[in-house]
Amino acid sequence: MAKVLIGHIEDIDKKGARTFRYQDLEIAVFRLSDGEIKAVENRCPHKGGKLAEGMVCGTAVHCPLHDWKIDLKSGKVYEPDDGCVETYKTEVDQANGAIYITI
């Protein structure tokens, strides 16, 4: 596993997202309304919609293609739909706001 610096907290608006690439991975990084940072695979399991383009609501993101709701903590799709996405551990350095993802 690798711990990768992907940016700084001020790079992402509250309830916003950014896309980061690491080797062949495309990762969506979200900043929730409480400031928590979550990172998931940037691909809906349904039709491959870019989750970073979806709307964040609480701790979930709605896929921009077909509105599937995905929990950003577990990666699981809300019922009645089914599926999941890969999640990544995140850390924010409180001293300088640097965001790290463990891949």
PDB file of N, CA and C in Angstrom:
ATOM      1  N   MET A   1       0.838  -1.184   0.000  1.00  0.00           N
ATOM      2  CA  MET A   1       0.000   0.000   0.000  1.00  0.00           C
ATOM      3  C   MET A   1       0.878   1.241   0.000  1.00  0.00           C
ATOM      4  N   ALA A   2       0.355   2.289  -0.624  1.00  0.00           N
ATOM      5  CA  ALA A   2       1.091   3.542  -0.712  1.00  0.00           C
ATOM      6  C   ALA A   2       0.253   4.675  -0.146  1.00  0.00           C
ATOM      7  N   LYS A   3       0.905   5.578   0.574  1.00  0.00           N
ATOM      8  CA  LYS A   3       0.263   6.785   1.087  1.00  0.00           C
ATOM      9  C   LYS A   3       0.683   7.920   0.166  1.00  0.00           C
ATOM     10  N   VAL A   4      -0.302   8.510  -0.518  1.00  0.00           N
ATOM     11  CA  VAL A   4      -0.020   9.463  -1.591  1.00  0.00           C
ATOM     12  C   VAL A   4      -0.590  10.837  -1.254  1.00  0.00           C
ATOM     13  N   LEU A   5       0.231  11.875  -1.386  1.00  0.00           N
ATOM     14  CA  LEU A   5      -0.227  13.258  -1.239  1.00  0.00           C
ATOM     15  C   LEU A   5      -0.998  13.624  -2.502  1.00  0.00           C
ATOM     16  N   ILE A   6      -2.264  14.048  -2.340  1.00  0.00           N
ATOM     17  CA  ILE A   6      -3.070  14.342  -3.521  1.00  0.00           C
ATOM     18  C   ILE A   6      -3.508  15.807  -3.607  1.00  0.00           C
ATOM     19  N   GLY A   7      -3.219  16.594  -2.605  1.00  0.00           N
ATOM     20  CA  GLY A   7      -3.600  18.009  -2.639  1.00  0.00           C
ATOM     21  C   GLY A   7      -3.763  18.554  -1.244  1.00  0.00           C
ATOM     22  N   HIS A   8      -4.477  19.686  -1.158  1.00  0.00           N
ATOM     23  CA  HIS A   8      -4.690  20.355   0.123  1.00  0.00           C
ATOM     24  C   HIS A   8      -6.176  20.620   0.328  1.00  0.00           C
ATOM     25  N   ILE A   9      -6.572  20.702   1.578  1.00  0.00           N
ATOM     26  CA  ILE A   9      -7.975  20.859   1.936  1.00  0.00           C
ATOM     27  C   ILE A   9      -8.613  22.058   1.233  1.00  0.00           C
ATOM     28  N   GLU A  10      -7.865  23.138   1.064  1.00  0.00           N
ATOM     29  CA  GLU A  10      -8.440  24.327   0.426  1.00  0.00           C
ATOM     30  C   GLU A  10      -8.667  24.142  -1.074  1.00  0.00           C
ATOM     31  N   ASP A  11      -8.157  23.055  -1.648  1.00  0.00           N
ATOM     32  CA  ASP A  11      -8.374  22.756  -3.070  1.00  0.00           C
ATOM     33  C   ASP A  11      -9.797  22.280  -3.358  1.00  0.00           C
ATOM     34  N   ILE A  12     -10.524  21.866  -2.311  1.00  0.00           N
ATOM     35  CA  ILE A  12     -11.853  21.289  -2.497  1.00  0.00           C
ATOM     36  C   ILE A  12     -12.871  22.087  -1.687  1.00  0.00           C
ATOM     37  N   ASP A  13     -13.869  22.638  -2.347  1.00  0.00           N
ATOM     38  CA  ASP A  13     -14.942  23.355  -1.655  1.00  0.00           C
ATOM     39  C   ASP A  13     -15.755  22.388  -0.817  1.00  0.00           C
ATOM     40  N   LYS A  14     -16.392  22.893   0.263  1.00  0.00           N
ATOM     41  CA  LYS A  14     -17.301  22.056   1.038  1.00  0.00           C
ATOM     42  C   LYS A  14     -18.420  21.574   0.122  1.00  0.00           C
ATOM     43  N   LYS A  15     -18.758  20.298   0.248  1.00  0.00           N
ATOM     44  CA  LYS A  15     -19.741  19.604  -0.592  1.00  0.00           C
ATOM     45  C   LYS A  15     -19.303  19.563  -2.055  1.00  0.00           C
ATOM     46  N   GLY A  16     -17.991  19.682  -2.269  1.00  0.00           N
ATOM     47  CA  GLY A  16     -17.441  19.628  -3.616  1.00  0.00           C
ATOM     48  C   GLY A  16     -16.565  18.408  -3.798  1.00  0.00           C
ATOM     49  N   ALA A  17     -16.015  18.280  -5.006  1.00  0.00           N
ATOM     50  CA  ALA A  17     -15.188  17.118  -5.333  1.00  0.00           C
ATOM     51  C   ALA A  17     -14.088  17.505  -6.303  1.00  0.00           C
ATOM     52  N   ARG A  18     -13.068  16.708  -6.331  1.00  0.00           N
ATOM     53  CA  ARG A  18     -11.981  16.820  -7.302  1.00  0.00           C
ATOM     54  C   ARG A  18     -11.629  15.415  -7.751  1.00  0.00           C
ATOM     55  N   THR A  19     -11.086  15.324  -8.945  1.00  0.00           N
ATOM     56  CA  THR A  19     -10.634  14.043  -9.476  1.00  0.00           C
ATOM     57  C   THR A  19      -9.113  14.026  -9.455  1.00  0.00           C
ATOM     58  N   PHE A  20      -8.555  12.908  -8.997  1.00  0.00           N
ATOM     59  CA  PHE A  20      -7.111  12.720  -8.976  1.00  0.00           C
ATOM     60  C   PHE A  20      -6.778  11.392  -9.635  1.00  0.00           C
ATOM     61  N   ARG A  21      -5.675  11.381 -10.339  1.00  0.00           N
ATOM     62  CA  ARG A  21      -5.206  10.148 -10.982  1.00  0.00           C
ATOM     63  C   ARG A  21      -3.966   9.661 -10.250  1.00  0.00           C
ATOM     64  N   TYR A  22      -3.923   8.355 -10.052  1.00  0.00           N
ATOM     65  CA  TYR A  22      -2.739   7.714  -9.499  1.00  0.00           C
ATOM     66  C   TYR A  22      -2.520   6.453 -10.320  1.00  0.00           C
ATOM     67  N   GLN A  23      -1.440   6.448 -11.089  1.00  0.00           N
ATOM     68  CA  GLN A  23      -1.163   5.372 -12.028  1.00  0.00           C
ATOM     69  C   GLN A  23      -2.394   5.163 -12.903  1.00  0.00           C
ATOM     70  N   ASP A  24      -3.012   3.981 -12.867  1.00  0.00           N
ATOM     71  CA  ASP A  24      -4.177   3.744 -13.733  1.00  0.00           C
ATOM     72  C   ASP A  24      -5.509   3.954 -13.006  1.00  0.00           C
ATOM     73  N   LEU A  25      -5.474   4.511 -11.788  1.00  0.00           N
ATOM     74  CA  LEU A  25      -6.688   4.746 -11.016  1.00  0.00           C
ATOM     75  C   LEU A  25      -7.194   6.172 -11.194  1.00  0.00           C
ATOM     76  N   GLU A  26      -8.503   6.316 -11.295  1.00  0.00           N
ATOM     77  CA  GLU A  26      -9.128   7.635 -11.256  1.00  0.00           C
ATOM     78  C   GLU A  26      -9.953   7.671  -9.977  1.00  0.00           C
ATOM     79  N   ILE A  27      -9.644   8.621  -9.098  1.00  0.00           N
ATOM     80  CA  ILE A  27     -10.234   8.680  -7.764  1.00  0.00           C
ATOM     81  C   ILE A  27     -10.983   9.995  -7.597  1.00  0.00           C
ATOM     82  N   ALA A  28     -12.201   9.909  -7.064  1.00  0.00           N
ATOM     83  CA  ALA A  28     -12.991  11.096  -6.736  1.00  0.00           C
ATOM     84  C   ALA A  28     -12.790  11.383  -5.255  1.00  0.00           C
ATOM     85  N   VAL A  29     -12.384  12.607  -4.940  1.00  0.00           N
ATOM     86  CA  VAL A  29     -12.153  13.013  -3.557  1.00  0.00           C
ATOM     87  C   VAL A  29     -13.187  14.081  -3.207  1.00  0.00           C
ATOM     88  N   PHE A  30     -13.935  13.834  -2.135  1.00  0.00           N
ATOM     89  CA  PHE A  30     -15.038  14.694  -1.731  1.00  0.00           C
ATOM     90  C   PHE A  30     -14.734  15.351  -0.389  1.00  0.00           C
ATOM     91  N   ARG A  31     -15.197  16.583  -0.248  1.00  0.00           N
ATOM     92  CA  ARG A  31     -15.147  17.272   1.038  1.00  0.00           C
ATOM     93  C   ARG A  31     -16.594  17.451   1.498  1.00  0.00           C
ATOM     94  N   LEU A  32     -16.954  16.749   2.560  1.00  0.00           N
ATOM     95  CA  LEU A  32     -18.313  16.785   3.065  1.00  0.00           C
ATOM     96  C   LEU A  32     -18.586  18.096   3.786  1.00  0.00           C
ATOM     97  N   SER A  33     -19.845  18.367   4.080  1.00  0.00           N
ATOM     98  CA  SER A  33     -20.216  19.640   4.703  1.00  0.00           C
ATOM     99  C   SER A  33     -19.577  19.822   6.080  1.00  0.00           C
ATOM    100  N   ASP A  34     -19.248  18.717   6.764  1.00  0.00           N
ATOM    101  CA  ASP A  34     -18.578  18.820   8.063  1.00  0.00           C
ATOM    102  C   ASP A  34     -17.054  18.910   7.921  1.00  0.00           C
ATOM    103  N   GLY A  35     -16.555  18.964   6.685  1.00  0.00           N
ATOM    104  CA  GLY A  35     -15.120  19.084   6.428  1.00  0.00           C
ATOM    105  C   GLY A  35     -14.406  17.763   6.241  1.00  0.00           C
ATOM    106  N   GLU A  36     -15.080  16.646   6.523  1.00  0.00           N
ATOM    107  CA  GLU A  36     -14.465  15.327   6.372  1.00  0.00           C
ATOM    108  C   GLU A  36     -14.154  15.074   4.895  1.00  0.00           C
ATOM    109  N   ILE A  37     -13.032  14.402   4.635  1.00  0.00           N
ATOM    110  CA  ILE A  37     -12.602  14.070   3.274  1.00  0.00           C
ATOM    111  C   ILE A  37     -12.833  12.584   3.036  1.00  0.00           C
ATOM    112  N   LYS A  38     -13.479  12.261   1.913  1.00  0.00           N
ATOM    113  CA  LYS A  38     -13.723  10.875   1.525  1.00  0.00           C
ATOM    114  C   LYS A  38     -13.236  10.676   0.102  1.00  0.00           C
ATOM    115  N   ALA A  39     -12.727   9.493  -0.189  1.00  0.00           N
ATOM    116  CA  ALA A  39     -12.218   9.182  -1.526  1.00  0.00           C
ATOM    117  C   ALA A  39     -12.767   7.838  -1.982  1.00  0.00           C
ATOM    118  N   VAL A  40     -13.252   7.818  -3.220  1.00  0.00           N
ATOM    119  CA  VAL A  40     -13.801   6.601  -3.810  1.00  0.00           C
ATOM    120  C   VAL A  40     -13.368   6.508  -5.262  1.00  0.00           C
ATOM    121  N   GLU A  41     -13.478   5.313  -5.784  1.00  0.00           N
ATOM    122  CA  GLU A  41     -13.291   5.089  -7.216  1.00  0.00           C
ATOM    123  C   GLU A  41     -14.246   6.026  -7.965  1.00  0.00           C
ATOM    124  N   ASN A  42     -13.773   6.681  -9.003  1.00  0.00           N
ATOM    125  CA  ASN A  42     -14.576   7.675  -9.723  1.00  0.00           C
ATOM    126  C   ASN A  42     -15.395   7.034 -10.844  1.00  0.00           C
ATOM    127  N   ARG A  43     -16.143   5.975 -10.497  1.00  0.00           N
ATOM    128  CA  ARG A  43     -16.927   5.276 -11.502  1.00  0.00           C
ATOM    129  C   ARG A  43     -18.098   4.586 -10.834  1.00  0.00           C
ATOM    130  N   CYS A  44     -19.298   4.986 -11.225  1.00  0.00           N
ATOM    131  CA  CYS A  44     -20.509   4.347 -10.701  1.00  0.00           C
ATOM    132  C   CYS A  44     -20.548   2.894 -11.200  1.00  0.00           C
ATOM    133  N   PRO A  45     -20.931   1.947 -10.330  1.00  0.00           N
ATOM    134  CA  PRO A  45     -20.979   0.546 -10.761  1.00  0.00           C
ATOM    135  C   PRO A  45     -22.100   0.257 -11.761  1.00  0.00           C
ATOM    136  N   HIS A  46     -23.018   1.176 -11.934  1.00  0.00           N
ATOM    137  CA  HIS A  46     -24.146   0.958 -12.842  1.00  0.00           C
ATOM    138  C   HIS A  46     -23.736   1.132 -14.298  1.00  0.00           C
ATOM    139  N   LYS A  47     -23.394   2.359 -14.694  1.00  0.00           N
ATOM    140  CA  LYS A  47     -23.044   2.646 -16.090  1.00  0.00           C
ATOM    141  C   LYS A  47     -21.751   3.444 -16.215  1.00  0.00           C
ATOM    142  N   GLY A  48     -20.956   3.488 -15.137  1.00  0.00           N
ATOM    143  CA  GLY A  48     -19.650   4.136 -15.208  1.00  0.00           C
ATOM    144  C   GLY A  48     -19.666   5.647 -15.102  1.00  0.00           C
ATOM    145  N   GLY A  49     -20.746   6.233 -14.599  1.00  0.00           N
ATOM    146  CA  GLY A  49     -20.812   7.689 -14.445  1.00  0.00           C
ATOM    147  C   GLY A  49     -19.698   8.212 -13.557  1.00  0.00           C
ATOM    148  N   LYS A  50     -19.203   9.398 -13.866  1.00  0.00           N
ATOM    149  CA  LYS A  50     -18.128  10.021 -13.090  1.00  0.00           C
ATOM    150  C   LYS A  50     -18.698  10.579 -11.787  1.00  0.00           C
ATOM    151  N   LEU A  51     -18.406   9.930 -10.671  1.00  0.00           N
ATOM    152  CA  LEU A  51     -18.984  10.316  -9.398  1.00  0.00           C
ATOM    153  C   LEU A  51     -18.558  11.708  -8.951  1.00  0.00           C
ATOM    154  N   ALA A  52     -17.374  12.151  -9.346  1.00  0.00           N
ATOM    155  CA  ALA A  52     -16.919  13.494  -8.980  1.00  0.00           C
ATOM    156  C   ALA A  52     -17.822  14.575  -9.569  1.00  0.00           C
ATOM    157  N   GLU A  53     -18.615  14.223 -10.572  1.00  0.00           N
ATOM    158  CA  GLU A  53     -19.545  15.175 -11.185  1.00  0.00           C
ATOM    159  C   GLU A  53     -20.928  15.116 -10.543  1.00  0.00           C
ATOM    160  N   GLY A  54     -21.110  14.219  -9.569  1.00  0.00           N
ATOM    161  CA  GLY A  54     -22.398  14.051  -8.912  1.00  0.00           C
ATOM    162  C   GLY A  54     -22.605  15.044  -7.781  1.00  0.00           C
ATOM    163  N   MET A  55     -23.822  15.075  -7.273  1.00  0.00           N
ATOM    164  CA  MET A  55     -24.184  15.963  -6.179  1.00  0.00           C
ATOM    165  C   MET A  55     -23.982  15.247  -4.847  1.00  0.00           C
ATOM    166  N   VAL A  56     -23.298  15.924  -3.910  1.00  0.00           N
ATOM    167  CA  VAL A  56     -23.075  15.377  -2.580  1.00  0.00           C
ATOM    168  C   VAL A  56     -24.246  15.778  -1.688  1.00  0.00           C
ATOM    169  N   CYS A  57     -24.773  14.791  -0.972  1.00  0.00           N
ATOM    170  CA  CYS A  57     -25.881  15.028  -0.047  1.00  0.00           C
ATOM    171  C   CYS A  57     -25.578  14.246   1.229  1.00  0.00           C
ATOM    172  N   GLY A  58     -25.218  14.948   2.286  1.00  0.00           N
ATOM    173  CA  GLY A  58     -24.820  14.271   3.525  1.00  0.00           C
ATOM    174  C   GLY A  58     -23.530  13.516   3.309  1.00  0.00           C
ATOM    175  N   THR A  59     -23.568  12.191   3.501  1.00  0.00           N
ATOM    176  CA  THR A  59     -22.378  11.355   3.301  1.00  0.00           C
ATOM    177  C   THR A  59     -22.528  10.491   2.057  1.00  0.00           C
ATOM    178  N   ALA A  60     -23.339  10.940   1.113  1.00  0.00           N
ATOM    179  CA  ALA A  60     -23.561  10.179  -0.115  1.00  0.00           C
ATOM    180  C   ALA A  60     -23.366  11.077  -1.329  1.00  0.00           C
ATOM    181  N   VAL A  61     -23.107  10.430  -2.450  1.00  0.00           N
ATOM    182  CA  VAL A  61     -23.034  11.136  -3.728  1.00  0.00           C
ATOM    183  C   VAL A  61     -24.058  10.496  -4.659  1.00  0.00           C
ATOM    184  N   HIS A  62     -24.708  11.335  -5.450  1.00  0.00           N
ATOM    185  CA  HIS A  62     -25.675  10.859  -6.443  1.00  0.00           C
ATOM    186  C   HIS A  62     -24.976  10.822  -7.799  1.00  0.00           C
ATOM    187  N   CYS A  63     -24.979   9.662  -8.439  1.00  0.00           N
ATOM    188  CA  CYS A  63     -24.361   9.534  -9.756  1.00  0.00           C
ATOM    189  C   CYS A  63     -25.049  10.497 -10.720  1.00  0.00           C
ATOM    190  N   PRO A  64     -24.281  11.233 -11.524  1.00  0.00           N
ATOM    191  CA  PRO A  64     -24.876  12.203 -12.435  1.00  0.00           C
ATOM    192  C   PRO A  64     -25.623  11.571 -13.609  1.00  0.00           C
ATOM    193  N   LEU A  65     -25.419  10.296 -13.886  1.00  0.00           N
ATOM    194  CA  LEU A  65     -26.093   9.674 -15.020  1.00  0.00           C
ATOM    195  C   LEU A  65     -27.511   9.206 -14.694  1.00  0.00           C
ATOM    196  N   HIS A  66     -27.660   8.403 -13.637  1.00  0.00           N
ATOM    197  CA  HIS A  66     -28.959   7.799 -13.352  1.00  0.00           C
ATOM    198  C   HIS A  66     -29.363   7.945 -11.896  1.00  0.00           C
ATOM    199  N   ASP A  67     -28.701   8.848 -11.164  1.00  0.00           N
ATOM    200  CA  ASP A  67     -29.064   9.201  -9.791  1.00  0.00           C
ATOM    201  C   ASP A  67     -28.915   8.066  -8.782  1.00  0.00           C
ATOM    202  N   TRP A  68     -28.072   7.076  -9.059  1.00  0.00           N
ATOM    203  CA  TRP A  68     -27.800   6.071  -8.041  1.00  0.00           C
ATOM    204  C   TRP A  68     -27.129   6.780  -6.873  1.00  0.00           C
ATOM    205  N   LYS A  69     -27.505   6.419  -5.658  1.00  0.00           N
ATOM    206  CA  LYS A  69     -26.973   7.041  -4.446  1.00  0.00           C
ATOM    207  C   LYS A  69     -25.932   6.105  -3.836  1.00  0.00           C
ATOM    208  N   ILE A  70     -24.725   6.641  -3.627  1.00  0.00           N
ATOM    209  CA  ILE A  70     -23.607   5.823  -3.148  1.00  0.00           C
ATOM    210  C   ILE A  70     -23.067   6.408  -1.853  1.00  0.00           C
ATOM    211  N   ASP A  71     -22.957   5.565  -0.829  1.00  0.00           N
ATOM    212  CA  ASP A  71     -22.432   5.988   0.466  1.00  0.00           C
ATOM    213  C   ASP A  71     -20.922   6.194   0.350  1.00  0.00           C
ATOM    214  N   LEU A  72     -20.450   7.376   0.703  1.00  0.00           N
ATOM    215  CA  LEU A  72     -19.031   7.687   0.563  1.00  0.00           C
ATOM    216  C   LEU A  72     -18.170   7.057   1.654  1.00  0.00           C
ATOM    217  N   LYS A  73     -18.777   6.585   2.729  1.00  0.00           N
ATOM    218  CA  LYS A  73     -18.013   5.936   3.793  1.00  0.00           C
ATOM    219  C   LYS A  73     -17.770   4.456   3.504  1.00  0.00           C
ATOM    220  N   SER A  74     -18.803   3.779   3.001  1.00  0.00           N
ATOM    221  CA  SER A  74     -18.688   2.335   2.769  1.00  0.00           C
ATOM    222  C   SER A  74     -18.486   1.971   1.300  1.00  0.00           C
ATOM    223  N   GLY A  75     -18.878   2.872   0.397  1.00  0.00           N
ATOM    224  CA  GLY A  75     -18.816   2.581  -1.028  1.00  0.00           C
ATOM    225  C   GLY A  75     -20.026   1.831  -1.539  1.00  0.00           C
ATOM    226  N   LYS A  76     -20.969   1.494  -0.655  1.00  0.00           N
ATOM    227  CA  LYS A  76     -22.142   0.707  -1.054  1.00  0.00           C
ATOM    228  C   LYS A  76     -23.213   1.593  -1.677  1.00  0.00           C
ATOM    229  N   VAL A  77     -23.886   1.023  -2.656  1.00  0.00           N
ATOM    230  CA  VAL A  77     -25.006   1.685  -3.320  1.00  0.00           C
ATOM    231  C   VAL A  77     -26.248   1.495  -2.454  1.00  0.00           C
ATOM    232  N   TYR A  78     -27.024   2.568  -2.306  1.00  0.00           N
ATOM    233  CA  TYR A  78     -28.267   2.489  -1.540  1.00  0.00           C
ATOM    234  C   TYR A  78     -29.316   1.659  -2.294  1.00  0.00           C
ATOM    235  N   GLU A  79     -30.149   0.932  -1.529  1.00  0.00           N
ATOM    236  CA  GLU A  79     -31.253   0.169  -2.108  1.00  0.00           C
ATOM    237  C   GLU A  79     -32.274   1.133  -2.697  1.00  0.00           C
ATOM    238  N   PRO A  80     -33.004   0.755  -3.699  1.00  0.00           N
ATOM    239  CA  PRO A  80     -33.196  -0.595  -4.204  1.00  0.00           C
ATOM    240  C   PRO A  80     -32.109  -1.021  -5.180  1.00  0.00           C
ATOM    241  N   ASP A  81     -31.158  -0.120  -5.507  1.00  0.00           N
ATOM    242  CA  ASP A  81     -30.081  -0.480  -6.426  1.00  0.00           C
ATOM    243  C   ASP A  81     -29.051  -1.311  -5.678  1.00  0.00           C
ATOM    244  N   ASP A  82     -28.095  -1.883  -6.408  1.00  0.00           N
ATOM    245  CA  ASP A  82     -27.144  -2.795  -5.792  1.00  0.00           C
ATOM    246  C   ASP A  82     -25.778  -2.613  -6.420  1.00  0.00           C
ATOM    247  N   GLY A  83     -24.739  -2.667  -5.613  1.00  0.00           N
ATOM    248  CA  GLY A  83     -23.374  -2.561  -6.096  1.00  0.00           C
ATOM    249  C   GLY A  83     -22.515  -1.823  -5.088  1.00  0.00           C
ATOM    250  N   CYS A  84     -21.253  -1.623  -5.448  1.00  0.00           N
ATOM    251  CA  CYS A  84     -20.361  -0.866  -4.576  1.00  0.00           C
ATOM    252  C   CYS A  84     -19.172  -0.356  -5.390  1.00  0.00           C
ATOM    253  N   VAL A  85     -18.489   0.620  -4.814  1.00  0.00           N
ATOM    254  CA  VAL A  85     -17.272   1.157  -5.401  1.00  0.00           C
ATOM    255  C   VAL A  85     -16.151   1.026  -4.380  1.00  0.00           C
ATOM    256  N   GLU A  86     -14.943   1.043  -4.859  1.00  0.00           N
ATOM    257  CA  GLU A  86     -13.764   0.979  -3.993  1.00  0.00           C
ATOM    258  C   GLU A  86     -13.657   2.281  -3.201  1.00  0.00           C
ATOM    259  N   THR A  87     -13.353   2.172  -1.912  1.00  0.00           N
ATOM    260  CA  THR A  87     -13.108   3.346  -1.080  1.00  0.00           C
ATOM    261  C   THR A  87     -11.633   3.381  -0.698  1.00  0.00           C
ATOM    262  N   TYR A  88     -11.146   4.578  -0.376  1.00  0.00           N
ATOM    263  CA  TYR A  88      -9.745   4.750  -0.007  1.00  0.00           C
ATOM    264  C   TYR A  88      -9.655   5.531   1.292  1.00  0.00           C
ATOM    265  N   LYS A  89      -8.762   5.091   2.162  1.00  0.00           N
ATOM    266  CA  LYS A  89      -8.541   5.774   3.440  1.00  0.00           C
ATOM    267  C   LYS A  89      -7.919   7.145   3.159  1.00  0.00           C
ATOM    268  N   THR A  90      -8.439   8.168   3.847  1.00  0.00           N
ATOM    269  CA  THR A  90      -7.901   9.519   3.693  1.00  0.00           C
ATOM    270  C   THR A  90      -7.404  10.039   5.027  1.00  0.00           C
ATOM    271  N   GLU A  91      -6.438  10.938   4.947  1.00  0.00           N
ATOM    272  CA  GLU A  91      -5.905  11.621   6.127  1.00  0.00           C
ATOM    273  C   GLU A  91      -5.665  13.073   5.756  1.00  0.00           C
ATOM    274  N   VAL A  92      -5.943  13.977   6.695  1.00  0.00           N
ATOM    275  CA  VAL A  92      -5.641  15.385   6.496  1.00  0.00           C
ATOM    276  C   VAL A  92      -4.645  15.791   7.569  1.00  0.00           C
ATOM    277  N   ASP A  93      -3.510  16.327   7.152  1.00  0.00           N
ATOM    278  CA  ASP A  93      -2.511  16.838   8.083  1.00  0.00           C
ATOM    279  C   ASP A  93      -3.036  18.162   8.635  1.00  0.00           C
ATOM    280  N   GLN A  94      -3.367  18.181   9.901  1.00  0.00           N
ATOM    281  CA  GLN A  94      -3.970  19.368  10.511  1.00  0.00           C
ATOM    282  C   GLN A  94      -3.007  20.564  10.533  1.00  0.00           C
ATOM    283  N   ALA A  95      -1.715  20.321  10.459  1.00  0.00           N
ATOM    284  CA  ALA A  95      -0.743  21.413  10.481  1.00  0.00           C
ATOM    285  C   ALA A  95      -0.723  22.214   9.189  1.00  0.00           C
ATOM    286  N   ASN A  96      -0.871  21.522   8.051  1.00  0.00           N
ATOM    287  CA  ASN A  96      -0.762  22.241   6.773  1.00  0.00           C
ATOM    288  C   ASN A  96      -1.907  21.968   5.798  1.00  0.00           C
ATOM    289  N   GLY A  97      -2.888  21.132   6.184  1.00  0.00           N
ATOM    290  CA  GLY A  97      -4.039  20.867   5.334  1.00  0.00           C
ATOM    291  C   GLY A  97      -3.785  19.910   4.188  1.00  0.00           C
ATOM    292  N   ALA A  98      -2.643  19.239   4.183  1.00  0.00           N
ATOM    293  CA  ALA A  98      -2.333  18.287   3.117  1.00  0.00           C
ATOM    294  C   ALA A  98      -3.249  17.065   3.212  1.00  0.00           C
ATOM    295  N   ILE A  99      -3.740  16.603   2.071  1.00  0.00           N
ATOM    296  CA  ILE A  99      -4.613  15.430   2.004  1.00  0.00           C
ATOM    297  C   ILE A  99      -3.810  14.249   1.467  1.00  0.00           C
ATOM    298  N   TYR A 100      -3.876  13.135   2.193  1.00  0.00           N
ATOM    299  CA  TYR A 100      -3.221  11.900   1.777  1.00  0.00           C
ATOM    300  C   TYR A 100      -4.253  10.805   1.594  1.00  0.00           C
ATOM    301  N   ILE A 101      -4.047   9.968   0.586  1.00  0.00           N
ATOM    302  CA  ILE A 101      -4.887   8.798   0.354  1.00  0.00           C
ATOM    303  C   ILE A 101      -4.001   7.561   0.426  1.00  0.00           C
ATOM    304  N   THR A 102      -4.499   6.537   1.098  1.00  0.00           N
ATOM    305  CA  THR A 102      -3.793   5.259   1.133  1.00  0.00           C
ATOM    306  C   THR A 102      -4.379   4.377   0.034  1.00  0.00           C
ATOM    307  N   ILE A 103      -3.514   3.963  -0.866  1.00  0.00           N
ATOM    308  CA  ILE A 103      -3.928   3.160  -2.026  1.00  0.00           C
ATOM    309  C   ILE A 103      -3.287   1.781  -1.936  1.00  0.00           C
TER     310      ILE A 103
END
